[in-house]
């Protein structure tokens, strides 16, 4: 008995998924400038015209894959927020975040890529800052963002010794106290007072 024909909408969805998967891989490996629509189409086993039809331009295709959406809001007590942000870092070091790496690699050479990364990070930081009843909440969340970005860059792009092969749970365990201290610690803590 022959298989039922695949509906046109399902064919379109599958093609778009193949294009997005190919784009994630190529942007992550080659950066924005060296990735072409033709290369994405070839990797997705489709026509370049379909890539343009579905995504309109290389910039829009990149924007679609560059931003990693959070699945849960950053909300709660300072302790809960610190743990949510630490869990987010844990996810990024557990499995190579192809979309984030594509954005990071490309942001150094392409302004649109930097804009996408910045907007994604700022959205998360604004949510976290809204939970902190301190005047320097923006600074604190910026530092958490910098630690997260630096850890991902060090692990995946630079391959720093130790960090490259460390178990994700060891990385988050070592950073736990720092995340909590930044999110809700006293900037004039015991070490500052003893001076």
Protein backbone atom coordinates (compact mmCIF):
# COMPACT_ATOMS: atom_id res chain seq x y z
CA UNK A 1 0.00 0.00 0.00
CA UNK A 2 1.60 3.32 -1.04
CA UNK A 3 2.27 5.97 1.60
CA UNK A 4 -0.16 8.87 1.79
CA UNK A 5 1.09 12.01 0.05
CA UNK A 6 2.66 14.61 2.34
CA UNK A 7 0.51 17.77 2.52
CA UNK A 8 2.03 20.89 0.95
CA UNK A 9 2.16 22.74 4.31
CA UNK A 10 4.12 19.85 5.83
CA UNK A 11 6.53 19.81 2.87
CA UNK A 12 7.10 23.54 3.33
CA UNK A 13 7.72 23.14 7.08
CA UNK A 14 10.22 20.33 6.49
CA UNK A 15 12.06 22.37 3.86
CA UNK A 16 12.22 25.40 6.17
CA UNK A 17 13.52 23.19 9.01
CA UNK A 18 16.25 21.79 6.73
CA UNK A 19 17.22 25.30 5.65
CA UNK A 20 17.38 26.53 9.27
CA UNK A 21 19.45 23.52 10.36
CA UNK A 22 21.88 24.04 7.45
CA UNK A 23 22.09 27.78 8.17
CA UNK A 24 22.84 27.19 11.88
CA UNK A 25 25.65 24.82 10.99
CA UNK A 26 27.19 27.00 8.28
CA UNK A 27 26.93 30.30 10.17
CA UNK A 28 28.49 28.61 13.23
CA UNK A 29 31.32 27.08 11.21
CA UNK A 30 32.02 29.89 8.74
CA UNK A 31 30.64 33.09 10.24
CA UNK A 32 28.28 35.51 8.57
CA UNK A 33 30.49 36.84 5.77
CA UNK A 34 31.63 33.45 4.44
CA UNK A 35 28.18 31.83 4.50
CA UNK A 36 26.20 32.21 1.30
CA UNK A 37 22.59 31.53 0.39
CA UNK A 38 23.83 29.07 -2.24
CA UNK A 39 25.86 27.15 0.37
CA UNK A 40 22.88 27.02 2.73
CA UNK A 41 20.63 25.79 -0.09
CA UNK A 42 23.16 23.12 -1.10
CA UNK A 43 23.52 21.88 2.48
CA UNK A 44 19.72 21.81 2.85
CA UNK A 45 19.36 19.99 -0.51
CA UNK A 46 17.05 22.64 -1.89
CA UNK A 47 17.04 25.49 -4.37
CA UNK A 48 18.53 28.93 -3.45
CA UNK A 49 15.30 30.49 -4.72
CA UNK A 50 13.34 28.65 -2.01
CA UNK A 51 15.69 29.96 0.67
CA UNK A 52 15.04 33.50 -0.55
CA UNK A 53 11.30 32.86 -0.87
CA UNK A 54 10.99 31.61 2.71
CA UNK A 55 13.47 33.97 4.41
CA UNK A 56 13.79 36.93 1.97
CA UNK A 57 17.48 37.69 2.59
CA UNK A 58 20.66 36.43 4.20
CA UNK A 59 20.20 38.99 7.00
CA UNK A 60 16.69 37.75 7.81
CA UNK A 61 17.81 34.11 7.68
CA UNK A 62 20.65 34.93 10.07
CA UNK A 63 18.34 36.84 12.41
CA UNK A 64 16.01 33.85 12.49
CA UNK A 65 18.72 31.44 13.67
CA UNK A 66 20.89 33.80 15.72
CA UNK A 67 18.57 34.47 18.64
CA UNK A 68 18.11 31.72 21.18
CA UNK A 69 14.73 32.15 22.82
CA UNK A 70 14.33 31.50 26.54
CA UNK A 71 11.67 28.94 27.29
CA UNK A 72 10.92 30.24 30.77
CA UNK A 73 10.81 33.78 32.13
CA UNK A 74 13.53 35.04 34.44
CA UNK A 75 11.51 35.69 37.56
CA UNK A 76 11.41 34.95 41.28
CA UNK A 77 13.49 35.74 44.32
CA UNK A 78 17.12 36.77 43.83
CA UNK A 79 18.16 33.21 44.78
CA UNK A 80 15.78 31.73 42.18
CA UNK A 81 16.96 34.20 39.54
CA UNK A 82 20.61 33.32 40.21
CA UNK A 83 19.77 29.63 39.79
CA UNK A 84 17.78 30.27 36.58
CA UNK A 85 20.70 32.20 35.07
CA UNK A 86 23.12 29.50 36.21
CA UNK A 87 20.87 26.82 34.65
CA UNK A 88 20.84 28.81 31.40
CA UNK A 89 24.65 28.79 31.42
CA UNK A 90 24.57 25.06 32.21
CA UNK A 91 22.44 24.41 29.12
CA UNK A 92 24.88 26.37 26.96
CA UNK A 93 27.91 24.39 28.16
CA UNK A 94 26.14 21.01 28.09
CA UNK A 95 25.41 21.06 24.37
CA UNK A 96 27.19 23.28 21.89
CA UNK A 97 24.76 26.15 21.20
CA UNK A 98 25.09 26.30 17.41
CA UNK A 99 22.84 29.34 16.97
CA UNK A 100 24.58 31.28 19.72
CA UNK A 101 28.00 30.38 18.32
CA UNK A 102 26.95 31.52 14.87
CA UNK A 103 25.89 34.83 16.34
CA UNK A 104 29.03 35.20 18.45
CA UNK A 105 31.40 34.40 15.58
CA UNK A 106 29.58 36.74 13.26
CA UNK A 107 29.08 39.66 15.63
CA UNK A 108 32.72 40.65 15.34
CA UNK A 109 32.45 41.25 11.60
CA UNK A 110 28.80 42.00 10.94
CA UNK A 111 26.87 44.75 12.80
CA UNK A 112 23.50 43.04 12.34
CA UNK A 113 24.84 39.96 14.12
CA UNK A 114 26.07 42.05 17.05
CA UNK A 115 22.65 43.69 17.25
CA UNK A 116 20.87 40.31 17.42
CA UNK A 117 23.17 39.00 20.18
CA UNK A 118 22.88 42.24 22.15
CA UNK A 119 19.07 42.32 21.92
CA UNK A 120 18.77 38.69 23.05
CA UNK A 121 21.08 39.28 26.01
CA UNK A 122 19.41 42.57 26.96
CA UNK A 123 15.96 40.98 27.01
CA UNK A 124 17.13 38.37 29.51
CA UNK A 125 19.04 40.94 31.54
CA UNK A 126 16.03 43.29 31.78
CA UNK A 127 13.89 40.46 33.13
CA UNK A 128 16.52 39.54 35.71
CA UNK A 129 17.18 43.18 36.68
CA UNK A 130 13.46 43.66 37.31
CA UNK A 131 13.66 41.09 40.12
CA UNK A 132 16.52 42.84 41.95
CA UNK A 133 15.60 45.59 44.38
CA UNK A 134 19.03 47.24 44.11
CA UNK A 135 20.05 50.44 42.29
CA UNK A 136 22.81 48.72 40.30
CA UNK A 137 20.67 45.85 38.95
CA UNK A 138 21.64 46.64 35.34
CA UNK A 139 25.34 46.37 36.21
CA UNK A 140 24.79 43.09 38.05
CA UNK A 141 22.89 41.49 35.18
CA UNK A 142 25.47 42.82 32.71
CA UNK A 143 28.20 41.07 34.69
CA UNK A 144 26.23 37.80 34.66
CA UNK A 145 25.80 38.19 30.89
CA UNK A 146 29.54 38.83 30.47
CA UNK A 147 30.40 35.74 32.56
CA UNK A 148 28.01 33.63 30.49
CA UNK A 149 29.24 34.94 27.15
CA UNK A 150 32.88 34.61 28.22
CA UNK A 151 32.35 31.03 29.36
CA UNK A 152 30.71 30.05 26.06
CA UNK A 153 33.44 31.78 24.02
CA UNK A 154 36.20 30.24 26.13
CA UNK A 155 34.73 26.74 25.89
CA UNK A 156 33.67 26.57 22.24
CA UNK A 157 35.49 29.24 20.25
CA UNK A 158 38.84 29.48 22.04
CA UNK A 159 38.92 25.92 23.42
CA UNK A 160 40.64 27.08 26.60
CA UNK A 161 42.46 24.33 28.51
CA UNK A 162 40.39 23.02 31.37
CA UNK A 163 37.23 24.82 30.31
CA UNK A 164 36.99 23.05 26.94
CA UNK A 165 36.67 19.57 28.48
CA UNK A 166 35.23 20.33 31.92
CA UNK A 167 31.96 18.64 32.86
CA UNK A 168 29.10 21.19 32.72
CA UNK A 169 28.16 20.51 36.34
CA UNK A 170 31.70 21.39 37.46
CA UNK A 171 31.57 24.69 35.56
CA UNK A 172 28.24 25.68 37.11
CA UNK A 173 29.35 24.51 40.57
CA UNK A 174 32.44 26.72 40.39
CA UNK A 175 30.41 29.73 39.21
CA UNK A 176 27.43 29.23 41.59
CA UNK A 177 28.79 31.38 44.42
CA UNK A 178 29.81 34.14 41.99
CA UNK A 179 26.37 34.21 40.33
CA UNK A 180 24.60 34.37 43.70
CA UNK A 181 26.98 37.01 45.00
CA UNK A 182 26.47 39.19 41.93
CA UNK A 183 22.69 38.77 41.87
CA UNK A 184 22.00 39.43 45.54
CA UNK A 185 25.29 39.82 47.38
CA UNK A 186 26.31 42.83 49.42
CA UNK A 187 28.86 44.90 47.43
CA UNK A 188 30.22 46.13 50.77
CA UNK A 189 30.51 42.56 52.09
CA UNK A 190 32.89 41.30 54.77
CA UNK A 191 36.03 41.54 52.62
CA UNK A 192 35.31 45.20 51.78
CA UNK A 193 34.55 46.08 55.41
CA UNK A 194 37.74 44.49 56.77
CA UNK A 195 39.98 46.81 54.72
